């Protein structure tokens, strides 16, 4: 259900901009690093805890 919605979003953005936009692989497993550059870091954990 999410992939067609993602593709539709990309189509709409390209239509509004009048040019092609870069995309990645939806749902890809990615490793991300973070360098804090401010006084506060807010950690949001979206996994439900019991």
PDB file of N, CA and C in Angstrom:
ATOM      1  N   UNK A   1       0.819  -1.194   0.000  1.00  0.00           N
ATOM      2  CA  UNK A   1       0.000   0.000   0.000  1.00  0.00           C
ATOM      3  C   UNK A   1       0.870   1.268   0.000  1.00  0.00           C
ATOM      4  N   UNK A   2       1.998   1.223   0.685  1.00  0.00           N
ATOM      5  CA  UNK A   2       2.833   2.418   0.816  1.00  0.00           C
ATOM      6  C   UNK A   2       3.618   2.732  -0.459  1.00  0.00           C
ATOM      7  N   UNK A   3       4.069   1.717  -1.168  1.00  0.00           N
ATOM      8  CA  UNK A   3       4.893   1.955  -2.352  1.00  0.00           C
ATOM      9  C   UNK A   3       4.126   2.716  -3.437  1.00  0.00           C
ATOM     10  N   UNK A   4       2.882   2.329  -3.777  1.00  0.00           N
ATOM     11  CA  UNK A   4       2.143   3.128  -4.759  1.00  0.00           C
ATOM     12  C   UNK A   4       1.923   4.579  -4.296  1.00  0.00           C
ATOM     13  N   UNK A   5       1.714   4.785  -3.012  1.00  0.00           N
ATOM     14  CA  UNK A   5       1.540   6.135  -2.478  1.00  0.00           C
ATOM     15  C   UNK A   5       2.842   6.934  -2.632  1.00  0.00           C
ATOM     16  N   UNK A   6       3.967   6.307  -2.338  1.00  0.00           N
ATOM     17  CA  UNK A   6       5.276   6.927  -2.518  1.00  0.00           C
ATOM     18  C   UNK A   6       5.490   7.310  -3.980  1.00  0.00           C
ATOM     19  N   UNK A   7       5.191   6.378  -4.886  1.00  0.00           N
ATOM     20  CA  UNK A   7       5.366   6.646  -6.317  1.00  0.00           C
ATOM     21  C   UNK A   7       4.464   7.778  -6.788  1.00  0.00           C
ATOM     22  N   UNK A   8       3.245   7.836  -6.294  1.00  0.00           N
ATOM     23  CA  UNK A   8       2.323   8.908  -6.655  1.00  0.00           C
ATOM     24  C   UNK A   8       2.850  10.254  -6.149  1.00  0.00           C
ATOM     25  N   UNK A   9       3.393  10.271  -4.946  1.00  0.00           N
ATOM     26  CA  UNK A   9       3.974  11.480  -4.387  1.00  0.00           C
ATOM     27  C   UNK A   9       5.112  11.988  -5.269  1.00  0.00           C
ATOM     28  N   UNK A  10       5.987  11.075  -5.696  1.00  0.00           N
ATOM     29  CA  UNK A  10       7.098  11.442  -6.569  1.00  0.00           C
ATOM     30  C   UNK A  10       6.572  12.032  -7.874  1.00  0.00           C
ATOM     31  N   UNK A  11       5.554  11.412  -8.459  1.00  0.00           N
ATOM     32  CA  UNK A  11       4.957  11.918  -9.692  1.00  0.00           C
ATOM     33  C   UNK A  11       4.412  13.329  -9.500  1.00  0.00           C
ATOM     34  N   UNK A  12       3.727  13.567  -8.387  1.00  0.00           N
ATOM     35  CA  UNK A  12       3.153  14.882  -8.122  1.00  0.00           C
ATOM     36  C   UNK A  12       4.237  15.942  -7.929  1.00  0.00           C
ATOM     37  N   UNK A  13       5.295  15.596  -7.221  1.00  0.00           N
ATOM     38  CA  UNK A  13       6.393  16.545  -7.007  1.00  0.00           C
ATOM     39  C   UNK A  13       7.049  16.887  -8.342  1.00  0.00           C
ATOM     40  N   UNK A  14       7.307  15.875  -9.160  1.00  0.00           N
ATOM     41  CA  UNK A  14       7.921  16.113 -10.466  1.00  0.00           C
ATOM     42  C   UNK A  14       7.020  16.978 -11.336  1.00  0.00           C
ATOM     43  N   UNK A  15       5.720  16.741 -11.260  1.00  0.00           N
ATOM     44  CA  UNK A  15       4.767  17.523 -12.041  1.00  0.00           C
ATOM     45  C   UNK A  15       4.775  18.987 -11.597  1.00  0.00           C
ATOM     46  N   UNK A  16       4.802  19.213 -10.291  1.00  0.00           N
ATOM     47  CA  UNK A  16       4.798  20.579  -9.757  1.00  0.00           C
ATOM     48  C   UNK A  16       6.103  21.317 -10.069  1.00  0.00           C
ATOM     49  N   UNK A  17       7.226  20.604 -10.000  1.00  0.00           N
ATOM     50  CA  UNK A  17       8.522  21.222 -10.248  1.00  0.00           C
ATOM     51  C   UNK A  17       8.832  21.346 -11.730  1.00  0.00           C
ATOM     52  N   UNK A  18       8.201  20.502 -12.521  1.00  0.00           N
ATOM     53  CA  UNK A  18       8.466  20.503 -13.952  1.00  0.00           C
ATOM     54  C   UNK A  18       9.786  19.868 -14.320  1.00  0.00           C
ATOM     55  N   UNK A  19      10.314  19.049 -13.420  1.00  0.00           N
ATOM     56  CA  UNK A  19      11.563  18.337 -13.705  1.00  0.00           C
ATOM     57  C   UNK A  19      11.624  17.069 -12.863  1.00  0.00           C
ATOM     58  N   UNK A  20      12.530  16.192 -13.248  1.00  0.00           N
ATOM     59  CA  UNK A  20      12.683  14.921 -12.551  1.00  0.00           C
ATOM     60  C   UNK A  20      13.367  15.142 -11.200  1.00  0.00           C
ATOM     61  N   UNK A  21      12.935  14.414 -10.195  1.00  0.00           N
ATOM     62  CA  UNK A  21      13.575  14.488  -8.875  1.00  0.00           C
ATOM     63  C   UNK A  21      14.260  13.154  -8.582  1.00  0.00           C
ATOM     64  N   UNK A  22      15.337  13.222  -7.851  1.00  0.00           N
ATOM     65  CA  UNK A  22      16.055  12.013  -7.476  1.00  0.00           C
ATOM     66  C   UNK A  22      15.300  11.238  -6.420  1.00  0.00           C
ATOM     67  N   UNK A  23      15.348   9.938  -6.502  1.00  0.00           N
ATOM     68  CA  UNK A  23      14.696   9.076  -5.516  1.00  0.00           C
ATOM     69  C   UNK A  23      15.660   7.972  -5.111  1.00  0.00           C
ATOM     70  N   UNK A  24      15.316   7.302  -4.067  1.00  0.00           N
ATOM     71  CA  UNK A  24      16.089   6.152  -3.614  1.00  0.00           C
ATOM     72  C   UNK A  24      15.213   4.918  -3.666  1.00  0.00           C
ATOM     73  N   UNK A  25      15.636   3.895  -2.986  1.00  0.00           N
ATOM     74  CA  UNK A  25      14.851   2.666  -2.915  1.00  0.00           C
ATOM     75  C   UNK A  25      13.953   2.742  -1.695  1.00  0.00           C
ATOM     76  N   UNK A  26      12.624   2.685  -1.910  1.00  0.00           N
ATOM     77  CA  UNK A  26      11.670   2.778  -0.811  1.00  0.00           C
ATOM     78  C   UNK A  26      11.869   1.597   0.136  1.00  0.00           C
ATOM     79  N   UNK A  27      11.980   1.885   1.416  1.00  0.00           N
ATOM     80  CA  UNK A  27      12.104   0.842   2.432  1.00  0.00           C
ATOM     81  C   UNK A  27      13.489   0.216   2.516  1.00  0.00           C
ATOM     82  N   UNK A  28      14.478   0.851   1.903  1.00  0.00           N
ATOM     83  CA  UNK A  28      15.836   0.301   1.919  1.00  0.00           C
ATOM     84  C   UNK A  28      16.409   0.320   3.333  1.00  0.00           C
ATOM     85  N   UNK A  29      17.236  -0.654   3.625  1.00  0.00           N
ATOM     86  CA  UNK A  29      17.926  -0.710   4.911  1.00  0.00           C
ATOM     87  C   UNK A  29      19.125   0.230   4.823  1.00  0.00           C
ATOM     88  N   UNK A  30      19.154   1.238   5.683  1.00  0.00           N
ATOM     89  CA  UNK A  30      20.203   2.250   5.609  1.00  0.00           C
ATOM     90  C   UNK A  30      20.886   2.406   6.964  1.00  0.00           C
ATOM     91  N   UNK A  31      22.166   2.722   6.916  1.00  0.00           N
ATOM     92  CA  UNK A  31      22.901   3.070   8.123  1.00  0.00           C
ATOM     93  C   UNK A  31      23.159   4.567   8.076  1.00  0.00           C
ATOM     94  N   UNK A  32      22.790   5.256   9.135  1.00  0.00           N
ATOM     95  CA  UNK A  32      22.889   6.709   9.184  1.00  0.00           C
ATOM     96  C   UNK A  32      23.708   7.110  10.397  1.00  0.00           C
ATOM     97  N   UNK A  33      24.575   8.100  10.236  1.00  0.00           N
ATOM     98  CA  UNK A  33      25.324   8.613  11.375  1.00  0.00           C
ATOM     99  C   UNK A  33      24.872  10.035  11.655  1.00  0.00           C
ATOM    100  N   UNK A  34      25.125  10.506  12.854  1.00  0.00           N
ATOM    101  CA  UNK A  34      24.662  11.822  13.286  1.00  0.00           C
ATOM    102  C   UNK A  34      25.777  12.546  14.006  1.00  0.00           C
ATOM    103  N   UNK A  35      25.944  13.812  13.670  1.00  0.00           N
ATOM    104  CA  UNK A  35      26.864  14.684  14.399  1.00  0.00           C
ATOM    105  C   UNK A  35      26.011  15.780  15.025  1.00  0.00           C
ATOM    106  N   UNK A  36      25.968  15.807  16.341  1.00  0.00           N
ATOM    107  CA  UNK A  36      25.181  16.818  17.036  1.00  0.00           C
ATOM    108  C   UNK A  36      25.841  18.179  16.915  1.00  0.00           C
ATOM    109  N   UNK A  37      25.055  19.192  16.552  1.00  0.00           N
ATOM    110  CA  UNK A  37      25.574  20.543  16.411  1.00  0.00           C
ATOM    111  C   UNK A  37      24.567  21.511  17.032  1.00  0.00           C
ATOM    112  N   UNK A  38      24.284  21.317  18.274  1.00  0.00           N
ATOM    113  CA  UNK A  38      23.317  22.177  18.935  1.00  0.00           C
ATOM    114  C   UNK A  38      23.234  21.846  20.411  1.00  0.00           C
ATOM    115  N   UNK A  39      22.451  22.606  21.138  1.00  0.00           N
ATOM    116  CA  UNK A  39      22.379  22.406  22.577  1.00  0.00           C
ATOM    117  C   UNK A  39      21.484  21.245  23.017  1.00  0.00           C
ATOM    118  N   UNK A  40      20.641  20.739  22.110  1.00  0.00           N
ATOM    119  CA  UNK A  40      19.674  19.716  22.516  1.00  0.00           C
ATOM    120  C   UNK A  40      19.568  18.639  21.447  1.00  0.00           C
ATOM    121  N   UNK A  41      19.502  17.388  21.878  1.00  0.00           N
ATOM    122  CA  UNK A  41      19.181  16.282  20.983  1.00  0.00           C
ATOM    123  C   UNK A  41      17.915  15.635  21.506  1.00  0.00           C
ATOM    124  N   UNK A  42      16.930  15.493  20.650  1.00  0.00           N
ATOM    125  CA  UNK A  42      15.663  14.865  21.036  1.00  0.00           C
ATOM    126  C   UNK A  42      15.618  13.490  20.398  1.00  0.00           C
ATOM    127  N   UNK A  43      15.513  12.466  21.214  1.00  0.00           N
ATOM    128  CA  UNK A  43      15.466  11.088  20.752  1.00  0.00           C
ATOM    129  C   UNK A  43      14.011  10.656  20.726  1.00  0.00           C
ATOM    130  N   UNK A  44      13.512  10.241  19.565  1.00  0.00           N
ATOM    131  CA  UNK A  44      12.133   9.782  19.436  1.00  0.00           C
ATOM    132  C   UNK A  44      12.163   8.301  19.122  1.00  0.00           C
ATOM    133  N   UNK A  45      11.606   7.490  20.010  1.00  0.00           N
ATOM    134  CA  UNK A  45      11.554   6.039  19.827  1.00  0.00           C
ATOM    135  C   UNK A  45      10.123   5.686  19.449  1.00  0.00           C
ATOM    136  N   UNK A  46       9.936   5.212  18.218  1.00  0.00           N
ATOM    137  CA  UNK A  46       8.579   4.939  17.737  1.00  0.00           C
ATOM    138  C   UNK A  46       8.117   3.520  18.033  1.00  0.00           C
ATOM    139  N   UNK A  47       8.978   2.702  18.601  1.00  0.00           N
ATOM    140  CA  UNK A  47       8.578   1.334  18.919  1.00  0.00           C
ATOM    141  C   UNK A  47       7.745   1.334  20.200  1.00  0.00           C
ATOM    142  N   UNK A  48       6.657   0.593  20.175  1.00  0.00           N
ATOM    143  CA  UNK A  48       5.799   0.530  21.369  1.00  0.00           C
ATOM    144  C   UNK A  48       6.480  -0.291  22.449  1.00  0.00           C
ATOM    145  N   UNK A  49       6.393   0.171  23.645  1.00  0.00           N
ATOM    146  CA  UNK A  49       6.971  -0.538  24.789  1.00  0.00           C
ATOM    147  C   UNK A  49       5.835  -1.074  25.635  1.00  0.00           C
ATOM    148  N   UNK A  50       6.039  -2.242  26.171  1.00  0.00           N
ATOM    149  CA  UNK A  50       5.011  -2.830  27.037  1.00  0.00           C
ATOM    150  C   UNK A  50       5.396  -2.675  28.479  1.00  0.00           C
TER     151      UNK A  50
END
